N, C-alpha and C. Protein backbone atom coordinates (compact mmCIF):
# COMPACT_ATOMS: atom_id res chain seq x y z
N MET A 1 0.85 -1.17 0.00
CA MET A 1 0.00 0.00 0.00
C MET A 1 0.90 1.24 0.00
N GLN A 2 0.64 2.13 -0.93
CA GLN A 2 1.43 3.35 -1.04
C GLN A 2 0.86 4.48 -0.18
N GLY A 3 -0.45 4.52 -0.08
CA GLY A 3 -1.11 5.63 0.59
C GLY A 3 -1.66 5.27 1.94
N LYS A 4 -2.59 6.11 2.41
CA LYS A 4 -3.23 5.93 3.70
C LYS A 4 -4.54 5.17 3.54
N ASP A 5 -5.04 4.67 4.68
CA ASP A 5 -6.37 4.05 4.66
C ASP A 5 -7.30 4.72 5.67
N THR A 6 -6.84 5.82 6.28
CA THR A 6 -7.64 6.58 7.25
C THR A 6 -7.65 8.04 6.83
N PHE A 7 -8.86 8.60 6.76
CA PHE A 7 -9.04 9.96 6.29
C PHE A 7 -10.03 10.69 7.18
N THR A 8 -9.92 12.02 7.22
CA THR A 8 -10.89 12.83 7.95
C THR A 8 -12.17 12.92 7.12
N GLN A 9 -13.23 13.42 7.76
CA GLN A 9 -14.49 13.63 7.03
C GLN A 9 -14.28 14.59 5.86
N ALA A 10 -13.52 15.66 6.11
CA ALA A 10 -13.26 16.65 5.05
C ALA A 10 -12.48 16.02 3.90
N ASP A 11 -11.47 15.22 4.23
CA ASP A 11 -10.69 14.54 3.19
C ASP A 11 -11.58 13.59 2.39
N ALA A 12 -12.43 12.84 3.08
CA ALA A 12 -13.31 11.89 2.40
C ALA A 12 -14.26 12.61 1.45
N SER A 13 -14.77 13.74 1.87
CA SER A 13 -15.65 14.53 0.99
C SER A 13 -14.90 15.01 -0.24
N ARG A 14 -13.67 15.45 -0.04
CA ARG A 14 -12.85 15.92 -1.17
C ARG A 14 -12.51 14.76 -2.10
N ILE A 15 -12.18 13.60 -1.54
CA ILE A 15 -11.88 12.42 -2.35
C ILE A 15 -13.09 12.04 -3.19
N ARG A 16 -14.27 12.04 -2.58
CA ARG A 16 -15.50 11.72 -3.33
C ARG A 16 -15.69 12.69 -4.50
N TYR A 17 -15.50 13.99 -4.22
CA TYR A 17 -15.65 15.00 -5.27
C TYR A 17 -14.66 14.77 -6.40
N LEU A 18 -13.40 14.52 -6.05
CA LEU A 18 -12.37 14.31 -7.07
C LEU A 18 -12.62 13.05 -7.88
N LEU A 19 -13.07 11.98 -7.22
CA LEU A 19 -13.39 10.75 -7.96
C LEU A 19 -14.54 10.99 -8.92
N TYR A 20 -15.56 11.72 -8.48
CA TYR A 20 -16.68 12.06 -9.36
C TYR A 20 -16.17 12.88 -10.56
N LYS A 21 -15.33 13.87 -10.27
CA LYS A 21 -14.79 14.73 -11.32
C LYS A 21 -13.94 13.93 -12.31
N LYS A 22 -13.17 12.97 -11.79
CA LYS A 22 -12.31 12.14 -12.65
C LYS A 22 -13.14 11.34 -13.64
N VAL A 23 -14.25 10.81 -13.19
CA VAL A 23 -15.12 10.02 -14.08
C VAL A 23 -15.71 10.91 -15.17
N GLN A 24 -15.99 12.17 -14.85
CA GLN A 24 -16.61 13.08 -15.81
C GLN A 24 -15.64 13.57 -16.88
N GLN A 25 -14.34 13.57 -16.59
CA GLN A 25 -13.34 14.08 -17.52
C GLN A 25 -12.97 13.01 -18.54
N SER A 26 -12.50 13.45 -19.68
CA SER A 26 -11.99 12.51 -20.66
C SER A 26 -10.57 12.92 -21.02
N GLY A 27 -9.74 11.93 -21.22
CA GLY A 27 -8.36 12.18 -21.60
C GLY A 27 -7.43 12.23 -20.41
N LYS A 28 -6.24 11.66 -20.61
CA LYS A 28 -5.25 11.58 -19.54
C LYS A 28 -4.82 12.96 -19.05
N ALA A 29 -4.70 13.90 -19.95
CA ALA A 29 -4.22 15.23 -19.56
C ALA A 29 -5.16 15.90 -18.56
N TRP A 30 -6.45 15.64 -18.65
CA TRP A 30 -7.42 16.22 -17.72
C TRP A 30 -7.48 15.46 -16.41
N LYS A 31 -7.21 14.16 -16.45
CA LYS A 31 -7.32 13.32 -15.25
C LYS A 31 -6.07 13.37 -14.38
N LYS A 32 -4.92 13.64 -14.98
CA LYS A 32 -3.66 13.62 -14.23
C LYS A 32 -3.67 14.60 -13.04
N PRO A 33 -4.10 15.85 -13.20
CA PRO A 33 -4.11 16.75 -12.04
C PRO A 33 -5.03 16.25 -10.91
N ILE A 34 -6.10 15.56 -11.28
CA ILE A 34 -7.01 15.01 -10.28
C ILE A 34 -6.30 13.88 -9.53
N ARG A 35 -5.65 12.99 -10.25
CA ARG A 35 -4.90 11.90 -9.60
C ARG A 35 -3.80 12.47 -8.72
N ASP A 36 -3.13 13.50 -9.20
CA ASP A 36 -2.07 14.13 -8.41
C ASP A 36 -2.61 14.68 -7.09
N GLU A 37 -3.77 15.32 -7.14
CA GLU A 37 -4.35 15.85 -5.90
C GLU A 37 -4.77 14.73 -4.96
N LEU A 38 -5.35 13.66 -5.51
CA LEU A 38 -5.71 12.51 -4.68
C LEU A 38 -4.47 11.95 -3.99
N ARG A 39 -3.40 11.82 -4.73
CA ARG A 39 -2.15 11.28 -4.18
C ARG A 39 -1.57 12.20 -3.11
N SER A 40 -1.69 13.50 -3.31
CA SER A 40 -1.17 14.44 -2.32
C SER A 40 -1.93 14.33 -1.00
N MET A 41 -3.16 13.81 -1.06
CA MET A 41 -3.95 13.57 0.14
C MET A 41 -3.65 12.19 0.75
N GLY A 42 -2.84 11.41 0.06
CA GLY A 42 -2.52 10.07 0.54
C GLY A 42 -3.45 9.00 0.02
N PHE A 43 -4.27 9.34 -0.98
CA PHE A 43 -5.20 8.36 -1.56
C PHE A 43 -4.68 7.92 -2.93
N TYR A 44 -4.35 6.65 -3.03
CA TYR A 44 -3.87 6.07 -4.28
C TYR A 44 -4.91 5.08 -4.78
N ILE A 45 -5.50 5.35 -5.92
CA ILE A 45 -6.50 4.46 -6.50
C ILE A 45 -5.94 3.06 -6.66
N SER A 46 -4.68 2.96 -7.02
CA SER A 46 -4.06 1.65 -7.25
C SER A 46 -4.01 0.79 -5.98
N ASP A 47 -4.13 1.39 -4.81
CA ASP A 47 -4.18 0.62 -3.56
C ASP A 47 -5.50 -0.15 -3.44
N TYR A 48 -6.52 0.28 -4.13
CA TYR A 48 -7.86 -0.26 -3.93
C TYR A 48 -8.51 -0.85 -5.16
N GLY A 49 -7.91 -0.71 -6.29
CA GLY A 49 -8.55 -1.22 -7.49
C GLY A 49 -7.85 -0.69 -8.71
N GLY A 50 -8.61 -0.54 -9.73
CA GLY A 50 -8.02 -0.15 -11.00
C GLY A 50 -8.42 1.22 -11.46
N TYR A 51 -8.22 1.41 -12.70
CA TYR A 51 -8.41 2.68 -13.39
C TYR A 51 -9.82 3.24 -13.24
N ALA A 52 -10.82 2.39 -13.26
CA ALA A 52 -12.21 2.84 -13.28
C ALA A 52 -12.81 2.98 -11.87
N PHE A 53 -12.00 3.30 -10.88
CA PHE A 53 -12.45 3.44 -9.49
C PHE A 53 -13.41 4.61 -9.39
N THR A 54 -14.55 4.41 -8.72
CA THR A 54 -15.60 5.43 -8.64
C THR A 54 -15.92 5.80 -7.19
N VAL A 55 -16.79 6.78 -7.04
CA VAL A 55 -17.28 7.18 -5.72
C VAL A 55 -17.96 5.99 -5.03
N GLU A 56 -18.70 5.23 -5.79
CA GLU A 56 -19.39 4.06 -5.24
C GLU A 56 -18.40 3.04 -4.72
N ASP A 57 -17.30 2.85 -5.43
CA ASP A 57 -16.25 1.94 -4.97
C ASP A 57 -15.65 2.44 -3.65
N PHE A 58 -15.40 3.73 -3.57
CA PHE A 58 -14.87 4.34 -2.35
C PHE A 58 -15.82 4.09 -1.18
N ASP A 59 -17.11 4.38 -1.38
CA ASP A 59 -18.10 4.20 -0.32
C ASP A 59 -18.22 2.73 0.09
N ARG A 60 -18.12 1.83 -0.86
CA ARG A 60 -18.17 0.39 -0.57
C ARG A 60 -17.00 -0.01 0.35
N LEU A 61 -15.83 0.53 0.09
CA LEU A 61 -14.66 0.22 0.92
C LEU A 61 -14.79 0.82 2.31
N VAL A 62 -15.45 1.96 2.41
CA VAL A 62 -15.71 2.56 3.73
C VAL A 62 -16.64 1.65 4.52
N ILE A 63 -17.69 1.17 3.88
CA ILE A 63 -18.65 0.28 4.54
C ILE A 63 -17.97 -1.01 4.99
N LYS A 64 -17.10 -1.55 4.14
CA LYS A 64 -16.39 -2.80 4.47
C LYS A 64 -15.30 -2.59 5.52
N GLY A 65 -14.92 -1.34 5.79
CA GLY A 65 -13.91 -1.04 6.78
C GLY A 65 -12.49 -1.00 6.26
N ARG A 66 -12.30 -1.13 4.96
CA ARG A 66 -10.94 -1.05 4.39
C ARG A 66 -10.44 0.38 4.35
N ILE A 67 -11.38 1.33 4.28
CA ILE A 67 -11.05 2.74 4.39
C ILE A 67 -11.80 3.26 5.62
N LYS A 68 -11.08 3.97 6.49
CA LYS A 68 -11.67 4.48 7.71
C LYS A 68 -11.82 6.00 7.63
N ILE A 69 -12.96 6.48 8.11
CA ILE A 69 -13.22 7.91 8.17
C ILE A 69 -13.28 8.29 9.65
N VAL A 70 -12.45 9.25 10.04
CA VAL A 70 -12.39 9.68 11.45
C VAL A 70 -12.78 11.15 11.55
N GLY A 71 -13.16 11.52 12.76
CA GLY A 71 -13.48 12.93 13.02
C GLY A 71 -14.86 13.22 12.64
């Protein structure tokens, strides 16, 4: 695992927004800044799945306890 598995409520909200935004964008050039911001927060999509990771996938991992939300 490269990143973290525990995030604050604010971080989780930002991650959800960025994941939603990533799905809406097309082309690598538009998605790279989003991935960079996610990584700067300690969230690496590759830790949890593949390229097509979505908000629903994130929420599923929170429910399963693989990602923890604190605060």
